[in-house]
Amino acid sequence: MTREEKKLVTAHMDQVFHGQTVRQALPVCECGKYYDEKNITEAPAVYFREIDVFGKTFTLIEPLCPVCKQRIHASFSILN
């Protein structure tokens, strides 16, 4: 992961994992590999997916699995 990607992940991490409106579940791959807030910056790459909820845009974090090389799609809950 590049330095710029790490900065973006860090910037969006608090909003998506501890948000008041949208909360992203921790990324878990089908092969069993998972990421939490401490090691998500160690992913080989990340993708960002924007969603609109109640007229506001949120950015979800989708890391690449180092084991099976697949994108771990984000799942989230709407809290309000």
PDB file of N, CA and C in Angstrom:
ATOM      1  N   MET A   1       0.847  -1.168   0.000  1.00  0.00           N
ATOM      2  CA  MET A   1       0.000   0.000   0.000  1.00  0.00           C
ATOM      3  C   MET A   1       0.897   1.237   0.000  1.00  0.00           C
ATOM      4  N   THR A   2       0.516   2.206  -0.772  1.00  0.00           N
ATOM      5  CA  THR A   2       1.323   3.421  -0.866  1.00  0.00           C
ATOM      6  C   THR A   2       1.090   4.316   0.352  1.00  0.00           C
ATOM      7  N   ARG A   3       1.959   5.271   0.522  1.00  0.00           N
ATOM      8  CA  ARG A   3       1.846   6.205   1.643  1.00  0.00           C
ATOM      9  C   ARG A   3       0.550   7.013   1.542  1.00  0.00           C
ATOM     10  N   GLU A   4       0.182   7.392   0.325  1.00  0.00           N
ATOM     11  CA  GLU A   4      -1.050   8.150   0.131  1.00  0.00           C
ATOM     12  C   GLU A   4      -2.280   7.316   0.500  1.00  0.00           C
ATOM     13  N   GLU A   5      -2.267   6.034   0.129  1.00  0.00           N
ATOM     14  CA  GLU A   5      -3.376   5.150   0.486  1.00  0.00           C
ATOM     15  C   GLU A   5      -3.474   4.997   2.000  1.00  0.00           C
ATOM     16  N   LYS A   6      -2.338   4.875   2.678  1.00  0.00           N
ATOM     17  CA  LYS A   6      -2.355   4.759   4.139  1.00  0.00           C
ATOM     18  C   LYS A   6      -2.955   6.001   4.783  1.00  0.00           C
ATOM     19  N   LYS A   7      -2.637   7.171   4.238  1.00  0.00           N
ATOM     20  CA  LYS A   7      -3.216   8.410   4.767  1.00  0.00           C
ATOM     21  C   LYS A   7      -4.728   8.437   4.564  1.00  0.00           C
ATOM     22  N   LEU A   8      -5.185   7.997   3.398  1.00  0.00           N
ATOM     23  CA  LEU A   8      -6.625   7.966   3.126  1.00  0.00           C
ATOM     24  C   LEU A   8      -7.343   6.970   4.033  1.00  0.00           C
ATOM     25  N   VAL A   9      -6.740   5.797   4.229  1.00  0.00           N
ATOM     26  CA  VAL A   9      -7.337   4.789   5.109  1.00  0.00           C
ATOM     27  C   VAL A   9      -7.455   5.341   6.520  1.00  0.00           C
ATOM     28  N   THR A  10      -6.392   5.948   7.005  1.00  0.00           N
ATOM     29  CA  THR A  10      -6.401   6.511   8.353  1.00  0.00           C
ATOM     30  C   THR A  10      -7.449   7.614   8.479  1.00  0.00           C
ATOM     31  N   ALA A  11      -7.583   8.427   7.455  1.00  0.00           N
ATOM     32  CA  ALA A  11      -8.555   9.521   7.487  1.00  0.00           C
ATOM     33  C   ALA A  11      -9.995   9.007   7.522  1.00  0.00           C
ATOM     34  N   HIS A  12     -10.288   7.919   6.825  1.00  0.00           N
ATOM     35  CA  HIS A  12     -11.654   7.396   6.748  1.00  0.00           C
ATOM     36  C   HIS A  12     -11.964   6.362   7.825  1.00  0.00           C
ATOM     37  N   MET A  13     -10.950   5.837   8.494  1.00  0.00           N
ATOM     38  CA  MET A  13     -11.135   4.727   9.425  1.00  0.00           C
ATOM     39  C   MET A  13     -12.093   5.067  10.570  1.00  0.00           C
ATOM     40  N   ASP A  14     -11.922   6.202  11.210  1.00  0.00           N
ATOM     41  CA  ASP A  14     -12.769   6.548  12.347  1.00  0.00           C
ATOM     42  C   ASP A  14     -14.220   6.715  11.918  1.00  0.00           C
ATOM     43  N   GLN A  15     -14.438   7.335  10.770  1.00  0.00           N
ATOM     44  CA  GLN A  15     -15.801   7.562  10.297  1.00  0.00           C
ATOM     45  C   GLN A  15     -16.519   6.256   9.974  1.00  0.00           C
ATOM     46  N   VAL A  16     -15.840   5.313   9.340  1.00  0.00           N
ATOM     47  CA  VAL A  16     -16.543   4.099   8.908  1.00  0.00           C
ATOM     48  C   VAL A  16     -16.620   3.019   9.982  1.00  0.00           C
ATOM     49  N   PHE A  17     -15.664   2.948  10.885  1.00  0.00           N
ATOM     50  CA  PHE A  17     -15.703   1.905  11.909  1.00  0.00           C
ATOM     51  C   PHE A  17     -16.360   2.364  13.210  1.00  0.00           C
ATOM     52  N   HIS A  18     -16.503   3.682  13.410  1.00  0.00           N
ATOM     53  CA  HIS A  18     -17.114   4.205  14.635  1.00  0.00           C
ATOM     54  C   HIS A  18     -18.169   5.258  14.340  1.00  0.00           C
ATOM     55  N   GLY A  19     -18.695   5.272  13.132  1.00  0.00           N
ATOM     56  CA  GLY A  19     -19.628   6.317  12.713  1.00  0.00           C
ATOM     57  C   GLY A  19     -20.964   6.268  13.434  1.00  0.00           C
ATOM     58  N   GLN A  20     -21.661   7.393  13.403  1.00  0.00           N
ATOM     59  CA  GLN A  20     -22.974   7.504  14.030  1.00  0.00           C
ATOM     60  C   GLN A  20     -24.104   7.144  13.062  1.00  0.00           C
ATOM     61  N   THR A  21     -23.870   7.273  11.764  1.00  0.00           N
ATOM     62  CA  THR A  21     -24.901   6.985  10.770  1.00  0.00           C
ATOM     63  C   THR A  21     -24.641   5.658  10.070  1.00  0.00           C
ATOM     64  N   VAL A  22     -23.420   5.476   9.581  1.00  0.00           N
ATOM     65  CA  VAL A  22     -23.029   4.252   8.880  1.00  0.00           C
ATOM     66  C   VAL A  22     -21.847   3.641   9.610  1.00  0.00           C
ATOM     67  N   ARG A  23     -21.908   2.343   9.826  1.00  0.00           N
ATOM     68  CA  ARG A  23     -20.797   1.662  10.473  1.00  0.00           C
ATOM     69  C   ARG A  23     -20.416   0.441   9.635  1.00  0.00           C
ATOM     70  N   GLN A  24     -19.150   0.407   9.212  1.00  0.00           N
ATOM     71  CA  GLN A  24     -18.643  -0.692   8.399  1.00  0.00           C
ATOM     72  C   GLN A  24     -18.212  -1.839   9.304  1.00  0.00           C
ATOM     73  N   ALA A  25     -18.550  -3.063   8.898  1.00  0.00           N
ATOM     74  CA  ALA A  25     -18.078  -4.250   9.609  1.00  0.00           C
ATOM     75  C   ALA A  25     -16.610  -4.470   9.265  1.00  0.00           C
ATOM     76  N   LEU A  26     -15.889  -5.142  10.147  1.00  0.00           N
ATOM     77  CA  LEU A  26     -14.486  -5.432   9.871  1.00  0.00           C
ATOM     78  C   LEU A  26     -14.392  -6.333   8.644  1.00  0.00           C
ATOM     79  N   PRO A  27     -13.476  -6.045   7.726  1.00  0.00           N
ATOM     80  CA  PRO A  27     -13.349  -6.836   6.498  1.00  0.00           C
ATOM     81  C   PRO A  27     -12.858  -8.263   6.780  1.00  0.00           C
ATOM     82  N   VAL A  28     -13.626  -9.249   6.311  1.00  0.00           N
ATOM     83  CA  VAL A  28     -13.266 -10.659   6.466  1.00  0.00           C
ATOM     84  C   VAL A  28     -13.366 -11.316   5.097  1.00  0.00           C
ATOM     85  N   CYS A  29     -12.277 -11.957   4.667  1.00  0.00           N
ATOM     86  CA  CYS A  29     -12.246 -12.633   3.370  1.00  0.00           C
ATOM     87  C   CYS A  29     -12.850 -14.031   3.482  1.00  0.00           C
ATOM     88  N   GLU A  30     -13.253 -14.587   2.356  1.00  0.00           N
ATOM     89  CA  GLU A  30     -13.793 -15.944   2.315  1.00  0.00           C
ATOM     90  C   GLU A  30     -12.765 -16.980   2.742  1.00  0.00           C
ATOM     91  N   CYS A  31     -11.471 -16.673   2.557  1.00  0.00           N
ATOM     92  CA  CYS A  31     -10.412 -17.620   2.919  1.00  0.00           C
ATOM     93  C   CYS A  31     -10.098 -17.587   4.417  1.00  0.00           C
ATOM     94  N   GLY A  32     -10.683 -16.633   5.147  1.00  0.00           N
ATOM     95  CA  GLY A  32     -10.472 -16.548   6.582  1.00  0.00           C
ATOM     96  C   GLY A  32      -9.608 -15.382   7.033  1.00  0.00           C
ATOM     97  N   LYS A  33      -8.933 -14.734   6.117  1.00  0.00           N
ATOM     98  CA  LYS A  33      -8.102 -13.578   6.465  1.00  0.00           C
ATOM     99  C   LYS A  33      -9.014 -12.419   6.836  1.00  0.00           C
ATOM    100  N   TYR A  34      -8.684 -11.736   7.928  1.00  0.00           N
ATOM    101  CA  TYR A  34      -9.480 -10.580   8.325  1.00  0.00           C
ATOM    102  C   TYR A  34      -8.573  -9.419   8.709  1.00  0.00           C
ATOM    103  N   TYR A  35      -9.130  -8.244   8.668  1.00  0.00           N
ATOM    104  CA  TYR A  35      -8.420  -7.023   9.041  1.00  0.00           C
ATOM    105  C   TYR A  35      -9.198  -6.324  10.140  1.00  0.00           C
ATOM    106  N   ASP A  36      -8.466  -5.764  11.082  1.00  0.00           N
ATOM    107  CA  ASP A  36      -9.079  -4.888  12.065  1.00  0.00           C
ATOM    108  C   ASP A  36      -8.467  -3.504  11.904  1.00  0.00           C
ATOM    109  N   GLU A  37      -8.796  -2.610  12.794  1.00  0.00           N
ATOM    110  CA  GLU A  37      -8.314  -1.232  12.664  1.00  0.00           C
ATOM    111  C   GLU A  37      -6.800  -1.121  12.804  1.00  0.00           C
ATOM    112  N   LYS A  38      -6.197  -2.044  13.514  1.00  0.00           N
ATOM    113  CA  LYS A  38      -4.753  -1.969  13.748  1.00  0.00           C
ATOM    114  C   LYS A  38      -3.936  -2.439  12.554  1.00  0.00           C
ATOM    115  N   ASN A  39      -4.441  -3.395  11.798  1.00  0.00           N
ATOM    116  CA  ASN A  39      -3.623  -3.945  10.713  1.00  0.00           C
ATOM    117  C   ASN A  39      -4.170  -3.691   9.309  1.00  0.00           C
ATOM    118  N   ILE A  40      -5.211  -2.898   9.176  1.00  0.00           N
ATOM    119  CA  ILE A  40      -5.767  -2.661   7.834  1.00  0.00           C
ATOM    120  C   ILE A  40      -4.785  -1.893   6.951  1.00  0.00           C
ATOM    121  N   THR A  41      -3.903  -1.108   7.550  1.00  0.00           N
ATOM    122  CA  THR A  41      -2.911  -0.382   6.750  1.00  0.00           C
ATOM    123  C   THR A  41      -1.817  -1.306   6.230  1.00  0.00           C
ATOM    124  N   GLU A  42      -1.792  -2.558   6.682  1.00  0.00           N
ATOM    125  CA  GLU A  42      -0.823  -3.539   6.200  1.00  0.00           C
ATOM    126  C   GLU A  42      -1.330  -4.311   4.982  1.00  0.00           C
ATOM    127  N   ALA A  43      -2.539  -4.035   4.549  1.00  0.00           N
ATOM    128  CA  ALA A  43      -3.083  -4.698   3.356  1.00  0.00           C
ATOM    129  C   ALA A  43      -2.236  -4.323   2.146  1.00  0.00           C
ATOM    130  N   PRO A  44      -2.077  -5.251   1.195  1.00  0.00           N
ATOM    131  CA  PRO A  44      -1.265  -4.937   0.017  1.00  0.00           C
ATOM    132  C   PRO A  44      -1.833  -3.795  -0.822  1.00  0.00           C
ATOM    133  N   ALA A  45      -3.140  -3.620  -0.793  1.00  0.00           N
ATOM    134  CA  ALA A  45      -3.801  -2.530  -1.521  1.00  0.00           C
ATOM    135  C   ALA A  45      -5.199  -2.359  -0.942  1.00  0.00           C
ATOM    136  N   VAL A  46      -5.793  -1.210  -1.181  1.00  0.00           N
ATOM    137  CA  VAL A  46      -7.171  -0.969  -0.753  1.00  0.00           C
ATOM    138  C   VAL A  46      -7.946  -0.299  -1.880  1.00  0.00           C
ATOM    139  N   TYR A  47      -9.237  -0.508  -1.848  1.00  0.00           N
ATOM    140  CA  TYR A  47     -10.158   0.175  -2.744  1.00  0.00           C
ATOM    141  C   TYR A  47     -11.099   0.982  -1.863  1.00  0.00           C
ATOM    142  N   PHE A  48     -11.574   2.086  -2.386  1.00  0.00           N
ATOM    143  CA  PHE A  48     -12.527   2.910  -1.664  1.00  0.00           C
ATOM    144  C   PHE A  48     -13.835   2.900  -2.429  1.00  0.00           C
ATOM    145  N   ARG A  49     -14.930   2.658  -1.707  1.00  0.00           N
ATOM    146  CA  ARG A  49     -16.255   2.640  -2.318  1.00  0.00           C
ATOM    147  C   ARG A  49     -17.114   3.691  -1.630  1.00  0.00           C
ATOM    148  N   GLU A  50     -17.700   4.562  -2.418  1.00  0.00           N
ATOM    149  CA  GLU A  50     -18.555   5.608  -1.865  1.00  0.00           C
ATOM    150  C   GLU A  50     -20.008   5.171  -1.924  1.00  0.00           C
ATOM    151  N   ILE A  51     -20.713   5.422  -0.826  1.00  0.00           N
ATOM    152  CA  ILE A  51     -22.145   5.134  -0.759  1.00  0.00           C
ATOM    153  C   ILE A  51     -22.860   6.405  -0.305  1.00  0.00           C
ATOM    154  N   ASP A  52     -24.103   6.557  -0.709  1.00  0.00           N
ATOM    155  CA  ASP A  52     -24.922   7.687  -0.282  1.00  0.00           C
ATOM    156  C   ASP A  52     -25.999   7.179   0.659  1.00  0.00           C
ATOM    157  N   VAL A  53     -26.057   7.776   1.850  1.00  0.00           N
ATOM    158  CA  VAL A  53     -27.058   7.415   2.844  1.00  0.00           C
ATOM    159  C   VAL A  53     -27.661   8.700   3.385  1.00  0.00           C
ATOM    160  N   PHE A  54     -28.956   8.843   3.251  1.00  0.00           N
ATOM    161  CA  PHE A  54     -29.673  10.032   3.723  1.00  0.00           C
ATOM    162  C   PHE A  54     -29.077  11.314   3.155  1.00  0.00           C
ATOM    163  N   GLY A  55     -28.638  11.283   1.907  1.00  0.00           N
ATOM    164  CA  GLY A  55     -28.107  12.463   1.250  1.00  0.00           C
ATOM    165  C   GLY A  55     -26.667  12.793   1.595  1.00  0.00           C
ATOM    166  N   LYS A  56     -26.019  11.952   2.379  1.00  0.00           N
ATOM    167  CA  LYS A  56     -24.627  12.180   2.754  1.00  0.00           C
ATOM    168  C   LYS A  56     -23.770  11.052   2.178  1.00  0.00           C
ATOM    169  N   THR A  57     -22.563  11.386   1.725  1.00  0.00           N
ATOM    170  CA  THR A  57     -21.672  10.402   1.116  1.00  0.00           C
ATOM    171  C   THR A  57     -20.689   9.874   2.153  1.00  0.00           C
ATOM    172  N   PHE A  58     -20.553   8.546   2.199  1.00  0.00           N
ATOM    173  CA  PHE A  58     -19.608   7.879   3.088  1.00  0.00           C
ATOM    174  C   PHE A  58     -18.659   7.044   2.245  1.00  0.00           C
ATOM    175  N   THR A  59     -17.415   6.953   2.665  1.00  0.00           N
ATOM    176  CA  THR A  59     -16.405   6.187   1.948  1.00  0.00           C
ATOM    177  C   THR A  59     -16.080   4.930   2.732  1.00  0.00           C
ATOM    178  N   LEU A  60     -16.317   3.767   2.126  1.00  0.00           N
ATOM    179  CA  LEU A  60     -16.008   2.485   2.748  1.00  0.00           C
ATOM    180  C   LEU A  60     -14.640   2.005   2.276  1.00  0.00           C
ATOM    181  N   ILE A  61     -13.982   1.215   3.117  1.00  0.00           N
ATOM    182  CA  ILE A  61     -12.638   0.714   2.830  1.00  0.00           C
ATOM    183  C   ILE A  61     -12.739  -0.762   2.466  1.00  0.00           C
ATOM    184  N   GLU A  62     -12.201  -1.139   1.295  1.00  0.00           N
ATOM    185  CA  GLU A  62     -12.210  -2.526   0.834  1.00  0.00           C
ATOM    186  C   GLU A  62     -10.774  -2.966   0.554  1.00  0.00           C
ATOM    187  N   PRO A  63     -10.152  -3.707   1.486  1.00  0.00           N
ATOM    188  CA  PRO A  63      -8.760  -4.132   1.282  1.00  0.00           C
ATOM    189  C   PRO A  63      -8.652  -5.320   0.327  1.00  0.00           C
ATOM    190  N   LEU A  64      -7.450  -5.528  -0.171  1.00  0.00           N
ATOM    191  CA  LEU A  64      -7.135  -6.678  -1.009  1.00  0.00           C
ATOM    192  C   LEU A  64      -6.562  -7.769  -0.108  1.00  0.00           C
ATOM    193  N   CYS A  65      -7.055  -8.988  -0.247  1.00  0.00           N
ATOM    194  CA  CYS A  65      -6.579 -10.106   0.569  1.00  0.00           C
ATOM    195  C   CYS A  65      -5.201 -10.550   0.077  1.00  0.00           C
ATOM    196  N   PRO A  66      -4.201 -10.634   0.970  1.00  0.00           N
ATOM    197  CA  PRO A  66      -2.875 -11.071   0.545  1.00  0.00           C
ATOM    198  C   PRO A  66      -2.795 -12.574   0.291  1.00  0.00           C
ATOM    199  N   VAL A  67      -3.745 -13.339   0.815  1.00  0.00           N
ATOM    200  CA  VAL A  67      -3.722 -14.797   0.677  1.00  0.00           C
ATOM    201  C   VAL A  67      -4.290 -15.229  -0.671  1.00  0.00           C
ATOM    202  N   CYS A  68      -5.514 -14.791  -0.977  1.00  0.00           N
ATOM    203  CA  CYS A  68      -6.167 -15.244  -2.212  1.00  0.00           C
ATOM    204  C   CYS A  68      -6.251 -14.156  -3.281  1.00  0.00           C
ATOM    205  N   LYS A  69      -5.726 -12.978  -2.997  1.00  0.00           N
ATOM    206  CA  LYS A  69      -5.641 -11.870  -3.966  1.00  0.00           C
ATOM    207  C   LYS A  69      -6.999 -11.368  -4.436  1.00  0.00           C
ATOM    208  N   GLN A  70      -8.029 -11.522  -3.601  1.00  0.00           N
ATOM    209  CA  GLN A  70      -9.354 -11.028  -3.958  1.00  0.00           C
ATOM    210  C   GLN A  70      -9.688  -9.788  -3.142  1.00  0.00           C
ATOM    211  N   ARG A  71     -10.532  -8.972  -3.705  1.00  0.00           N
ATOM    212  CA  ARG A  71     -11.006  -7.769  -3.019  1.00  0.00           C
ATOM    213  C   ARG A  71     -12.023  -8.181  -1.961  1.00  0.00           C
ATOM    214  N   ILE A  72     -11.850  -7.683  -0.746  1.00  0.00           N
ATOM    215  CA  ILE A  72     -12.792  -7.973   0.335  1.00  0.00           C
ATOM    216  C   ILE A  72     -13.852  -6.875   0.320  1.00  0.00           C
ATOM    217  N   HIS A  73     -15.047  -7.217  -0.132  1.00  0.00           N
ATOM    218  CA  HIS A  73     -16.111  -6.229  -0.267  1.00  0.00           C
ATOM    219  C   HIS A  73     -16.623  -5.797   1.103  1.00  0.00           C
ATOM    220  N   ALA A  74     -16.896  -4.525   1.227  1.00  0.00           N
ATOM    221  CA  ALA A  74     -17.329  -3.946   2.497  1.00  0.00           C
ATOM    222  C   ALA A  74     -18.790  -4.261   2.773  1.00  0.00           C
ATOM    223  N   SER A  75     -19.068  -4.559   4.027  1.00  0.00           N
ATOM    224  CA  SER A  75     -20.451  -4.665   4.478  1.00  0.00           C
ATOM    225  C   SER A  75     -20.643  -3.616   5.569  1.00  0.00           C
ATOM    226  N   PHE A  76     -21.836  -3.067   5.647  1.00  0.00           N
ATOM    227  CA  PHE A  76     -22.066  -1.971   6.576  1.00  0.00           C
ATOM    228  C   PHE A  76     -23.491  -2.009   7.099  1.00  0.00           C
ATOM    229  N   SER A  77     -23.704  -1.264   8.175  1.00  0.00           N
ATOM    230  CA  SER A  77     -25.025  -1.121   8.775  1.00  0.00           C
ATOM    231  C   SER A  77     -25.388   0.353   8.822  1.00  0.00           C
ATOM    232  N   ILE A  78     -26.664   0.641   8.650  1.00  0.00           N
ATOM    233  CA  ILE A  78     -27.162   2.006   8.796  1.00  0.00           C
ATOM    234  C   ILE A  78     -27.769   2.098  10.194  1.00  0.00           C
ATOM    235  N   LEU A  79     -27.273   3.028  10.990  1.00  0.00           N
ATOM    236  CA  LEU A  79     -27.654   3.094  12.393  1.00  0.00           C
ATOM    237  C   LEU A  79     -28.855   3.985  12.670  1.00  0.00           C
ATOM    238  N   ASN A  80     -29.101   4.993  11.864  1.00  0.00           N
ATOM    239  CA  ASN A  80     -30.231   5.902  12.124  1.00  0.00           C
ATOM    240  C   ASN A  80     -31.456   5.452  11.391  1.00  0.00           C
TER     241      ASN A  80
END
